[in-house]
Amino acid sequence: MDLPLSSAIRSDSHISMYLKLVAVAFFWGGTFIAGRVITVDLPPHYAALIRFMIASIMLVMVVIKVEGRFPLIAKRDLVVTAAMGLTGICVYNVLFFGALSHIEAGRTALFVSFSPVLTVLVATFIFKEKLKLINYCGVALALIGTLIIVTRGDLFSELNQSFGSGEMMMSAAVLCWVAYTLLAKKSNRITPLLTTTYASLWGLLFLLLSALPNITRWTQLDISLLNWTGLFYLGALGTVLAFVWYAQGIATIGASKTIIFANLVPVFAVLLSFIILNEAITWSMLLGGLFTFFGVFLTNKK
């Protein structure tokens, strides 16, 4: 039996949204490599500041192009986007770059893999987002797949490593990202593009304010062409495109089903490491990738 027209259109739009979220995971997989390279030469706070300077300029230009002007938003939305800018942009990125300067990208990804589970739990109990049993099975399967990838099939060895400053930073970063995702759900009165732009501007403001005490020291830093390339990648693809599509996902399919795509980030990080850094691909990476993709599929199954 044919689907009603409205259902068919909704189904097609969801497929398009799923493809965008896979692309988001791919772009964010690349941020681990770019971030690892950048933090060799640049302080974490400085890297985050430049990333969102680039992103904010681009986002404002896109908004003006799309809207014909830069729209003002209501006070309630200003508060929500300010909270998003503080948690998911300012604090998260300082912690993210800080963690990458202390521990390897793979171990950092281990912590990122827990954000979907935390988000699903909070969204279920606080925001009453309803998932079926098969969706929860998908969340668990995607988590298992991600853990297999980032631990190379030896989870207990990874967990037995010492818990230092890098690990503490990444644990706090995960909580910040969960908060950002759930706050984005509250900004449904404005478009995903405006939500992302205002959050980015707020995040940039907070980063600038916290950077003021060390601004004279930072003006003396020499940024290489390689680092500029990485920063533009982080700003354009890892922020502008990825954050807007991520916000669209939350508005279209909900926070729980959107953030599960974050489990694909380590999959793409490993794949890009193989392509760019010539790192070996093992059986555990292939098995974990299969588990993760199937888990994401089950989580979004109606």
C-alpha atoms as a PDB file:
ATOM      1  CA  MET A   1       0.000   0.000   0.000  1.00  0.00           C
ATOM      2  CA  ASP A   2       1.334   3.430  -0.897  1.00  0.00           C
ATOM      3  CA  LEU A   3       2.280   5.845   1.855  1.00  0.00           C
ATOM      4  CA  PRO A   4       0.250   9.043   2.154  1.00  0.00           C
ATOM      5  CA  LEU A   5       1.994  11.951   0.431  1.00  0.00           C
ATOM      6  CA  SER A   6       2.879  13.698   3.705  1.00  0.00           C
ATOM      7  CA  SER A   7       4.426  10.499   5.104  1.00  0.00           C
ATOM      8  CA  ALA A   8       6.404   9.909   1.917  1.00  0.00           C
ATOM      9  CA  ILE A   9       7.770  13.455   1.987  1.00  0.00           C
ATOM     10  CA  ARG A  10       8.666  13.090   5.666  1.00  0.00           C
ATOM     11  CA  SER A  11      10.414   9.776   4.962  1.00  0.00           C
ATOM     12  CA  ASP A  12      12.463  11.312   2.126  1.00  0.00           C
ATOM     13  CA  SER A  13      13.433  14.276   4.307  1.00  0.00           C
ATOM     14  CA  HIS A  14      14.579  11.889   7.040  1.00  0.00           C
ATOM     15  CA  ILE A  15      16.777   9.974   4.595  1.00  0.00           C
ATOM     16  CA  SER A  16      18.338  13.275   3.537  1.00  0.00           C
ATOM     17  CA  MET A  17      18.828  14.160   7.196  1.00  0.00           C
ATOM     18  CA  TYR A  18      20.492  10.816   7.952  1.00  0.00           C
ATOM     19  CA  LEU A  19      22.952  11.373   5.094  1.00  0.00           C
ATOM     20  CA  LYS A  20      23.743  14.845   6.436  1.00  0.00           C
ATOM     21  CA  LEU A  21      24.392  13.421   9.915  1.00  0.00           C
ATOM     22  CA  VAL A  22      26.732  10.777   8.480  1.00  0.00           C
ATOM     23  CA  ALA A  23      28.595  13.649   6.778  1.00  0.00           C
ATOM     24  CA  VAL A  24      28.684  15.491  10.124  1.00  0.00           C
ATOM     25  CA  ALA A  25      30.318  12.449  11.726  1.00  0.00           C
ATOM     26  CA  PHE A  26      32.840  12.350   8.865  1.00  0.00           C
ATOM     27  CA  PHE A  27      33.732  16.038   9.305  1.00  0.00           C
ATOM     28  CA  TRP A  28      34.056  15.621  13.068  1.00  0.00           C
ATOM     29  CA  GLY A  29      36.198  12.517  12.567  1.00  0.00           C
ATOM     30  CA  GLY A  30      38.620  14.786  10.739  1.00  0.00           C
ATOM     31  CA  THR A  31      38.669  17.275  13.628  1.00  0.00           C
ATOM     32  CA  PHE A  32      40.553  14.756  15.781  1.00  0.00           C
ATOM     33  CA  ILE A  33      43.388  14.638  13.257  1.00  0.00           C
ATOM     34  CA  ALA A  34      43.374  18.398  12.622  1.00  0.00           C
ATOM     35  CA  GLY A  35      43.135  19.155  16.342  1.00  0.00           C
ATOM     36  CA  ARG A  36      45.987  16.794  17.196  1.00  0.00           C
ATOM     37  CA  VAL A  37      48.241  18.494  14.608  1.00  0.00           C
ATOM     38  CA  ILE A  38      47.265  22.030  15.649  1.00  0.00           C
ATOM     39  CA  THR A  39      47.787  21.562  19.400  1.00  0.00           C
ATOM     40  CA  VAL A  40      51.426  20.615  18.821  1.00  0.00           C
ATOM     41  CA  ASP A  41      52.098  24.319  18.117  1.00  0.00           C
ATOM     42  CA  LEU A  42      49.103  26.247  19.468  1.00  0.00           C
ATOM     43  CA  PRO A  43      47.666  26.523  23.003  1.00  0.00           C
ATOM     44  CA  PRO A  44      44.204  24.880  23.283  1.00  0.00           C
ATOM     45  CA  HIS A  45      42.421  28.141  24.102  1.00  0.00           C
ATOM     46  CA  TYR A  46      44.008  29.903  21.142  1.00  0.00           C
ATOM     47  CA  ALA A  47      43.079  27.084  18.749  1.00  0.00           C
ATOM     48  CA  ALA A  48      39.446  27.205  19.927  1.00  0.00           C
ATOM     49  CA  LEU A  49      39.351  31.007  19.599  1.00  0.00           C
ATOM     50  CA  ILE A  50      40.651  31.048  16.016  1.00  0.00           C
ATOM     51  CA  ARG A  51      38.347  28.180  15.027  1.00  0.00           C
ATOM     52  CA  PHE A  52      35.252  30.090  16.108  1.00  0.00           C
ATOM     53  CA  MET A  53      36.436  33.425  14.747  1.00  0.00           C
ATOM     54  CA  ILE A  54      36.541  31.774  11.329  1.00  0.00           C
ATOM     55  CA  ALA A  55      33.246  29.945  11.891  1.00  0.00           C
ATOM     56  CA  SER A  56      31.381  32.987  13.246  1.00  0.00           C
ATOM     57  CA  ILE A  57      32.368  35.197  10.307  1.00  0.00           C
ATOM     58  CA  MET A  58      31.242  32.515   7.849  1.00  0.00           C
ATOM     59  CA  LEU A  59      27.977  31.869   9.697  1.00  0.00           C
ATOM     60  CA  VAL A  60      27.044  35.564   9.829  1.00  0.00           C
ATOM     61  CA  MET A  61      27.728  35.857   6.080  1.00  0.00           C
ATOM     62  CA  VAL A  62      25.539  32.815   5.374  1.00  0.00           C
ATOM     63  CA  VAL A  63      22.688  34.156   7.550  1.00  0.00           C
ATOM     64  CA  ILE A  64      22.736  37.543   5.789  1.00  0.00           C
ATOM     65  CA  LYS A  65      22.805  35.790   2.404  1.00  0.00           C
ATOM     66  CA  VAL A  66      19.855  33.537   3.324  1.00  0.00           C
ATOM     67  CA  GLU A  67      17.754  36.020   5.321  1.00  0.00           C
ATOM     68  CA  GLY A  68      18.693  39.239   3.517  1.00  0.00           C
ATOM     69  CA  ARG A  69      19.606  40.706   6.919  1.00  0.00           C
ATOM     70  CA  PHE A  70      20.806  39.562  10.337  1.00  0.00           C
ATOM     71  CA  PRO A  71      17.623  38.780  12.343  1.00  0.00           C
ATOM     72  CA  LEU A  72      17.334  39.596  16.026  1.00  0.00           C
ATOM     73  CA  ILE A  73      15.914  36.857  18.246  1.00  0.00           C
ATOM     74  CA  ALA A  74      13.753  36.885  21.382  1.00  0.00           C
ATOM     75  CA  LYS A  75      15.246  37.194  24.867  1.00  0.00           C
ATOM     76  CA  ARG A  76      14.379  33.569  25.674  1.00  0.00           C
ATOM     77  CA  ASP A  77      16.296  32.364  22.604  1.00  0.00           C
ATOM     78  CA  LEU A  78      19.223  34.627  23.489  1.00  0.00           C
ATOM     79  CA  VAL A  79      19.469  32.916  26.878  1.00  0.00           C
ATOM     80  CA  VAL A  80      19.295  29.423  25.355  1.00  0.00           C
ATOM     81  CA  THR A  81      21.891  30.154  22.652  1.00  0.00           C
ATOM     82  CA  ALA A  82      24.149  31.835  25.232  1.00  0.00           C
ATOM     83  CA  ALA A  83      24.042  28.658  27.327  1.00  0.00           C
ATOM     84  CA  MET A  84      24.813  26.643  24.178  1.00  0.00           C
ATOM     85  CA  GLY A  85      27.736  28.931  23.378  1.00  0.00           C
ATOM     86  CA  LEU A  86      29.137  28.584  26.878  1.00  0.00           C
ATOM     87  CA  THR A  87      28.821  24.799  27.160  1.00  0.00           C
ATOM     88  CA  GLY A  88      29.193  23.365  23.653  1.00  0.00           C
ATOM     89  CA  ILE A  89      31.500  25.952  22.116  1.00  0.00           C
ATOM     90  CA  CYS A  90      33.593  27.819  24.690  1.00  0.00           C
ATOM     91  CA  VAL A  91      34.143  25.251  27.439  1.00  0.00           C
ATOM     92  CA  TYR A  92      33.843  22.131  25.252  1.00  0.00           C
ATOM     93  CA  ASN A  93      36.431  23.278  22.719  1.00  0.00           C
ATOM     94  CA  VAL A  94      38.966  24.438  25.292  1.00  0.00           C
ATOM     95  CA  LEU A  95      38.639  21.041  26.992  1.00  0.00           C
ATOM     96  CA  PHE A  96      38.681  19.175  23.635  1.00  0.00           C
ATOM     97  CA  PHE A  97      41.890  20.819  22.419  1.00  0.00           C
ATOM     98  CA  GLY A  98      43.366  20.561  25.913  1.00  0.00           C
ATOM     99  CA  ALA A  99      42.699  16.825  26.021  1.00  0.00           C
ATOM    100  CA  LEU A 100      44.230  16.339  22.558  1.00  0.00           C
ATOM    101  CA  SER A 101      47.400  18.073  23.749  1.00  0.00           C
ATOM    102  CA  HIS A 102      47.726  15.500  26.564  1.00  0.00           C
ATOM    103  CA  ILE A 103      46.422  12.191  25.169  1.00  0.00           C
ATOM    104  CA  GLU A 104      46.213  10.519  21.758  1.00  0.00           C
ATOM    105  CA  ALA A 105      43.199  11.010  19.497  1.00  0.00           C
ATOM    106  CA  GLY A 106      42.004   7.401  19.871  1.00  0.00           C
ATOM    107  CA  ARG A 107      41.797   7.619  23.643  1.00  0.00           C
ATOM    108  CA  THR A 108      39.998  10.954  23.325  1.00  0.00           C
ATOM    109  CA  ALA A 109      37.429   9.295  21.058  1.00  0.00           C
ATOM    110  CA  LEU A 110      36.807   6.694  23.774  1.00  0.00           C
ATOM    111  CA  PHE A 111      35.227   9.404  25.916  1.00  0.00           C
ATOM    112  CA  VAL A 112      33.216  10.904  23.037  1.00  0.00           C
ATOM    113  CA  SER A 113      31.522   7.530  22.555  1.00  0.00           C
ATOM    114  CA  PHE A 114      29.727   7.897  25.900  1.00  0.00           C
ATOM    115  CA  SER A 115      27.931  11.143  24.977  1.00  0.00           C
ATOM    116  CA  PRO A 116      25.101   9.437  23.003  1.00  0.00           C
ATOM    117  CA  VAL A 117      24.246   7.126  25.915  1.00  0.00           C
ATOM    118  CA  LEU A 118      24.146  10.010  28.403  1.00  0.00           C
ATOM    119  CA  THR A 119      22.043  12.123  26.045  1.00  0.00           C
ATOM    120  CA  VAL A 120      19.543   9.323  25.437  1.00  0.00           C
ATOM    121  CA  LEU A 121      19.155   8.758  29.187  1.00  0.00           C
ATOM    122  CA  VAL A 122      18.643  12.456  29.957  1.00  0.00           C
ATOM    123  CA  ALA A 123      16.321  12.998  26.965  1.00  0.00           C
ATOM    124  CA  THR A 124      14.246   9.986  28.004  1.00  0.00           C
ATOM    125  CA  PHE A 125      13.812  10.881  31.673  1.00  0.00           C
ATOM    126  CA  ILE A 126      13.730  14.693  31.503  1.00  0.00           C
ATOM    127  CA  PHE A 127      12.382  15.542  28.032  1.00  0.00           C
ATOM    128  CA  LYS A 128      10.278  12.370  27.739  1.00  0.00           C
ATOM    129  CA  GLU A 129      11.650  11.450  24.301  1.00  0.00           C
ATOM    130  CA  LYS A 130      10.250   7.996  23.598  1.00  0.00           C
ATOM    131  CA  LEU A 131      12.314   5.240  21.989  1.00  0.00           C
ATOM    132  CA  LYS A 132      11.382   1.639  21.287  1.00  0.00           C
ATOM    133  CA  LEU A 133      13.274  -1.349  22.672  1.00  0.00           C
ATOM    134  CA  ILE A 134      14.971  -1.861  19.308  1.00  0.00           C
ATOM    135  CA  ASN A 135      16.195   1.753  19.423  1.00  0.00           C
ATOM    136  CA  TYR A 136      17.772   1.232  22.853  1.00  0.00           C
ATOM    137  CA  CYS A 137      19.406  -1.953  21.515  1.00  0.00           C
ATOM    138  CA  GLY A 138      20.823   0.168  18.707  1.00  0.00           C
ATOM    139  CA  VAL A 139      22.281   2.653  21.210  1.00  0.00           C
ATOM    140  CA  ALA A 140      23.979  -0.195  23.091  1.00  0.00           C
ATOM    141  CA  LEU A 141      25.268  -1.841  19.895  1.00  0.00           C
ATOM    142  CA  ALA A 142      26.672   1.455  18.576  1.00  0.00           C
ATOM    143  CA  LEU A 143      28.441   2.036  21.906  1.00  0.00           C
ATOM    144  CA  ILE A 144      29.954  -1.475  21.838  1.00  0.00           C
ATOM    145  CA  GLY A 145      31.122  -0.964  18.259  1.00  0.00           C
ATOM    146  CA  THR A 146      32.739   2.360  19.099  1.00  0.00           C
ATOM    147  CA  LEU A 147      34.515   0.902  22.134  1.00  0.00           C
ATOM    148  CA  ILE A 148      35.852  -1.976  20.014  1.00  0.00           C
ATOM    149  CA  ILE A 149      37.290   0.536  17.542  1.00  0.00           C
ATOM    150  CA  VAL A 150      38.955   2.969  19.921  1.00  0.00           C
ATOM    151  CA  THR A 151      40.354   0.238  22.215  1.00  0.00           C
ATOM    152  CA  ARG A 152      41.455  -1.970  19.286  1.00  0.00           C
ATOM    153  CA  GLY A 153      39.437  -4.811  20.778  1.00  0.00           C
ATOM    154  CA  ASP A 154      41.095  -4.587  24.205  1.00  0.00           C
ATOM    155  CA  LEU A 155      38.741  -2.498  26.341  1.00  0.00           C
ATOM    156  CA  PHE A 156      40.137  -3.537  29.729  1.00  0.00           C
ATOM    157  CA  SER A 157      43.667  -2.540  28.765  1.00  0.00           C
ATOM    158  CA  GLU A 158      42.419   0.922  27.808  1.00  0.00           C
ATOM    159  CA  LEU A 159      40.366   1.329  30.981  1.00  0.00           C
ATOM    160  CA  ASN A 160      43.296   0.265  33.152  1.00  0.00           C
ATOM    161  CA  GLN A 161      45.420   3.165  31.924  1.00  0.00           C
ATOM    162  CA  SER A 162      45.973   6.013  34.370  1.00  0.00           C
ATOM    163  CA  PHE A 163      43.275   8.685  34.569  1.00  0.00           C
ATOM    164  CA  GLY A 164      45.157  11.959  34.138  1.00  0.00           C
ATOM    165  CA  SER A 165      44.431  15.568  33.247  1.00  0.00           C
ATOM    166  CA  GLY A 166      43.631  14.751  29.600  1.00  0.00           C
ATOM    167  CA  GLU A 167      41.046  12.182  30.643  1.00  0.00           C
ATOM    168  CA  MET A 168      39.478  14.579  33.144  1.00  0.00           C
ATOM    169  CA  MET A 169      39.243  17.290  30.481  1.00  0.00           C
ATOM    170  CA  MET A 170      37.540  14.943  28.037  1.00  0.00           C
ATOM    171  CA  SER A 171      35.091  13.673  30.667  1.00  0.00           C
ATOM    172  CA  ALA A 172      34.032  17.263  31.370  1.00  0.00           C
ATOM    173  CA  ALA A 173      33.877  17.960  27.615  1.00  0.00           C
ATOM    174  CA  VAL A 174      31.426  15.085  27.115  1.00  0.00           C
ATOM    175  CA  LEU A 175      29.099  16.543  29.759  1.00  0.00           C
ATOM    176  CA  CYS A 176      29.312  19.935  28.033  1.00  0.00           C
ATOM    177  CA  TRP A 177      28.363  18.383  24.686  1.00  0.00           C
ATOM    178  CA  VAL A 178      25.407  16.559  26.198  1.00  0.00           C
ATOM    179  CA  ALA A 179      24.231  19.887  27.653  1.00  0.00           C
ATOM    180  CA  TYR A 180      24.676  21.607  24.257  1.00  0.00           C
ATOM    181  CA  THR A 181      22.651  18.917  22.483  1.00  0.00           C
ATOM    182  CA  LEU A 182      19.774  19.086  24.952  1.00  0.00           C
ATOM    183  CA  LEU A 183      19.783  22.899  24.973  1.00  0.00           C
ATOM    184  CA  ALA A 184      19.558  22.858  21.165  1.00  0.00           C
ATOM    185  CA  LYS A 185      16.284  20.975  21.564  1.00  0.00           C
ATOM    186  CA  LYS A 186      14.943  24.016  23.455  1.00  0.00           C
ATOM    187  CA  SER A 187      15.788  26.409  20.600  1.00  0.00           C
ATOM    188  CA  ASN A 188      13.130  25.101  18.221  1.00  0.00           C
ATOM    189  CA  ARG A 189      11.480  28.518  17.847  1.00  0.00           C
ATOM    190  CA  ILE A 190      14.276  29.690  15.512  1.00  0.00           C
ATOM    191  CA  THR A 191      15.942  28.007  12.539  1.00  0.00           C
ATOM    192  CA  PRO A 192      18.909  25.634  13.016  1.00  0.00           C
ATOM    193  CA  LEU A 193      21.091  28.116  11.087  1.00  0.00           C
ATOM    194  CA  LEU A 194      20.206  30.984  13.435  1.00  0.00           C
ATOM    195  CA  THR A 195      20.601  28.736  16.478  1.00  0.00           C
ATOM    196  CA  THR A 196      24.097  27.709  15.396  1.00  0.00           C
ATOM    197  CA  THR A 197      25.102  31.259  14.462  1.00  0.00           C
ATOM    198  CA  TYR A 198      24.012  32.825  17.744  1.00  0.00           C
ATOM    199  CA  ALA A 199      25.566  29.970  19.747  1.00  0.00           C
ATOM    200  CA  SER A 200      28.820  30.434  17.818  1.00  0.00           C
ATOM    201  CA  LEU A 201      28.826  34.200  18.428  1.00  0.00           C
ATOM    202  CA  TRP A 202      28.162  33.698  22.130  1.00  0.00           C
ATOM    203  CA  GLY A 203      30.903  31.051  22.292  1.00  0.00           C
ATOM    204  CA  LEU A 204      33.332  33.396  20.539  1.00  0.00           C
ATOM    205  CA  LEU A 205      32.484  36.186  23.005  1.00  0.00           C
ATOM    206  CA  PHE A 206      33.135  33.899  25.986  1.00  0.00           C
ATOM    207  CA  LEU A 207      36.408  32.703  24.426  1.00  0.00           C
ATOM    208  CA  LEU A 208      37.528  36.299  23.809  1.00  0.00           C
ATOM    209  CA  LEU A 209      36.708  37.378  27.362  1.00  0.00           C
ATOM    210  CA  SER A 210      38.605  34.454  28.861  1.00  0.00           C
ATOM    211  CA  ALA A 211      41.543  35.102  26.493  1.00  0.00           C
ATOM    212  CA  LEU A 212      42.065  38.745  27.497  1.00  0.00           C
ATOM    213  CA  PRO A 213      44.569  38.084  30.337  1.00  0.00           C
ATOM    214  CA  ASN A 214      46.987  36.385  27.892  1.00  0.00           C
ATOM    215  CA  ILE A 215      46.233  38.328  24.710  1.00  0.00           C
ATOM    216  CA  THR A 216      49.673  39.999  24.481  1.00  0.00           C
ATOM    217  CA  ARG A 217      51.476  36.647  24.653  1.00  0.00           C
ATOM    218  CA  TRP A 218      49.224  35.150  21.977  1.00  0.00           C
ATOM    219  CA  THR A 219      49.867  37.972  19.483  1.00  0.00           C
ATOM    220  CA  GLN A 220      53.480  36.768  19.306  1.00  0.00           C
ATOM    221  CA  LEU A 221      52.548  33.259  18.127  1.00  0.00           C
ATOM    222  CA  ASP A 222      53.583  32.280  14.601  1.00  0.00           C
ATOM    223  CA  ILE A 223      50.911  30.142  12.910  1.00  0.00           C
ATOM    224  CA  SER A 224      52.168  27.874  10.118  1.00  0.00           C
ATOM    225  CA  LEU A 225      50.359  27.248   6.829  1.00  0.00           C
ATOM    226  CA  LEU A 226      49.591  23.699   7.995  1.00  0.00           C
ATOM    227  CA  ASN A 227      47.944  25.023  11.162  1.00  0.00           C
ATOM    228  CA  TRP A 228      45.943  27.624   9.206  1.00  0.00           C
ATOM    229  CA  THR A 229      44.723  24.849   6.905  1.00  0.00           C
ATOM    230  CA  GLY A 230      43.649  22.802   9.922  1.00  0.00           C
ATOM    231  CA  LEU A 231      41.933  25.799  11.530  1.00  0.00           C
ATOM    232  CA  PHE A 232      39.982  26.599   8.351  1.00  0.00           C
ATOM    233  CA  TYR A 233      38.930  22.950   8.119  1.00  0.00           C
ATOM    234  CA  LEU A 234      37.736  23.104  11.734  1.00  0.00           C
ATOM    235  CA  GLY A 235      35.955  26.410  11.150  1.00  0.00           C
ATOM    236  CA  ALA A 236      34.301  25.749   7.783  1.00  0.00           C
ATOM    237  CA  LEU A 237      33.511  22.028   7.727  1.00  0.00           C
ATOM    238  CA  GLY A 238      33.912  20.999  11.368  1.00  0.00           C
ATOM    239  CA  THR A 239      31.799  23.919  12.613  1.00  0.00           C
ATOM    240  CA  VAL A 240      29.724  25.831  10.044  1.00  0.00           C
ATOM    241  CA  LEU A 241      28.435  22.920   7.979  1.00  0.00           C
ATOM    242  CA  ALA A 242      28.564  20.259  10.694  1.00  0.00           C
ATOM    243  CA  PHE A 243      26.944  22.338  13.463  1.00  0.00           C
ATOM    244  CA  VAL A 244      24.115  23.582  11.221  1.00  0.00           C
ATOM    245  CA  TRP A 245      23.308  20.064  10.010  1.00  0.00           C
ATOM    246  CA  TYR A 246      23.570  18.757  13.575  1.00  0.00           C
ATOM    247  CA  ALA A 247      21.046  21.387  14.711  1.00  0.00           C
ATOM    248  CA  GLN A 248      18.790  20.419  11.787  1.00  0.00           C
ATOM    249  CA  GLY A 249      19.000  16.800  12.930  1.00  0.00           C
ATOM    250  CA  ILE A 250      17.884  17.666  16.455  1.00  0.00           C
ATOM    251  CA  ALA A 251      14.959  19.678  15.054  1.00  0.00           C
ATOM    252  CA  THR A 252      13.987  16.906  12.601  1.00  0.00           C
ATOM    253  CA  ILE A 253      14.491  13.561  14.374  1.00  0.00           C
ATOM    254  CA  GLY A 254      15.156  14.569  18.008  1.00  0.00           C
ATOM    255  CA  ALA A 255      18.211  14.806  20.264  1.00  0.00           C
ATOM    256  CA  SER A 256      18.453  11.086  21.098  1.00  0.00           C
ATOM    257  CA  LYS A 257      18.462   9.884  17.495  1.00  0.00           C
ATOM    258  CA  THR A 258      20.743  12.679  16.316  1.00  0.00           C
ATOM    259  CA  ILE A 259      23.533  12.261  18.833  1.00  0.00           C
ATOM    260  CA  ILE A 260      23.771   8.502  18.189  1.00  0.00           C
ATOM    261  CA  PHE A 261      25.516   9.465  14.932  1.00  0.00           C
ATOM    262  CA  ALA A 262      28.388  10.669  17.146  1.00  0.00           C
ATOM    263  CA  ASN A 263      29.319   6.994  17.460  1.00  0.00           C
ATOM    264  CA  LEU A 264      30.375   7.156  13.809  1.00  0.00           C
ATOM    265  CA  VAL A 265      32.965   9.854  14.591  1.00  0.00           C
ATOM    266  CA  PRO A 266      35.659   7.392  15.802  1.00  0.00           C
ATOM    267  CA  VAL A 267      34.919   5.159  12.792  1.00  0.00           C
ATOM    268  CA  PHE A 268      35.727   7.994  10.412  1.00  0.00           C
ATOM    269  CA  ALA A 269      38.635   9.172  12.585  1.00  0.00           C
ATOM    270  CA  VAL A 270      40.231   5.726  12.217  1.00  0.00           C
ATOM    271  CA  LEU A 271      39.493   5.640   8.480  1.00  0.00           C
ATOM    272  CA  LEU A 272      41.002   9.092   7.936  1.00  0.00           C
ATOM    273  CA  SER A 273      44.031   8.141  10.040  1.00  0.00           C
ATOM    274  CA  PHE A 274      44.548   5.194   7.679  1.00  0.00           C
ATOM    275  CA  ILE A 275      44.212   7.395   4.573  1.00  0.00           C
ATOM    276  CA  ILE A 276      46.128  10.470   5.784  1.00  0.00           C
ATOM    277  CA  LEU A 277      48.543   9.129   8.400  1.00  0.00           C
ATOM    278  CA  ASN A 278      49.014   5.611   6.938  1.00  0.00           C
ATOM    279  CA  GLU A 279      47.945   3.984  10.204  1.00  0.00           C
ATOM    280  CA  ALA A 280      47.049   0.284   9.962  1.00  0.00           C
ATOM    281  CA  ILE A 281      43.438  -0.953   9.966  1.00  0.00           C
ATOM    282  CA  THR A 282      42.871  -4.019  12.173  1.00  0.00           C
ATOM    283  CA  TRP A 283      40.106  -6.634  12.454  1.00  0.00           C
ATOM    284  CA  SER A 284      38.761  -4.858  15.543  1.00  0.00           C
ATOM    285  CA  MET A 285      38.285  -1.629  13.585  1.00  0.00           C
ATOM    286  CA  LEU A 286      36.319  -3.403  10.851  1.00  0.00           C
ATOM    287  CA  LEU A 287      34.195  -5.341  13.358  1.00  0.00           C
ATOM    288  CA  GLY A 288      33.604  -2.255  15.488  1.00  0.00           C
ATOM    289  CA  GLY A 289      32.656  -0.214  12.426  1.00  0.00           C
ATOM    290  CA  LEU A 290      30.106  -2.854  11.417  1.00  0.00           C
ATOM    291  CA  PHE A 291      28.591  -2.879  14.929  1.00  0.00           C
ATOM    292  CA  THR A 292      28.459   0.917  15.024  1.00  0.00           C
ATOM    293  CA  PHE A 293      26.777   1.380  11.640  1.00  0.00           C
ATOM    294  CA  PHE A 294      24.209  -1.314  12.455  1.00  0.00           C
ATOM    295  CA  GLY A 295      23.605   0.253  15.883  1.00  0.00           C
ATOM    296  CA  VAL A 296      22.953   3.668  14.328  1.00  0.00           C
ATOM    297  CA  PHE A 297      20.539   2.010  11.878  1.00  0.00           C
ATOM    298  CA  LEU A 298      18.603   0.297  14.699  1.00  0.00           C
ATOM    299  CA  THR A 299      18.456   3.482  16.781  1.00  0.00           C
ATOM    300  CA  ASN A 300      16.731   5.322  13.932  1.00  0.00           C
ATOM    301  CA  LYS A 301      14.430   2.434  12.995  1.00  0.00           C
ATOM    302  CA  LYS A 302      10.745   3.299  13.426  1.00  0.00           C
END
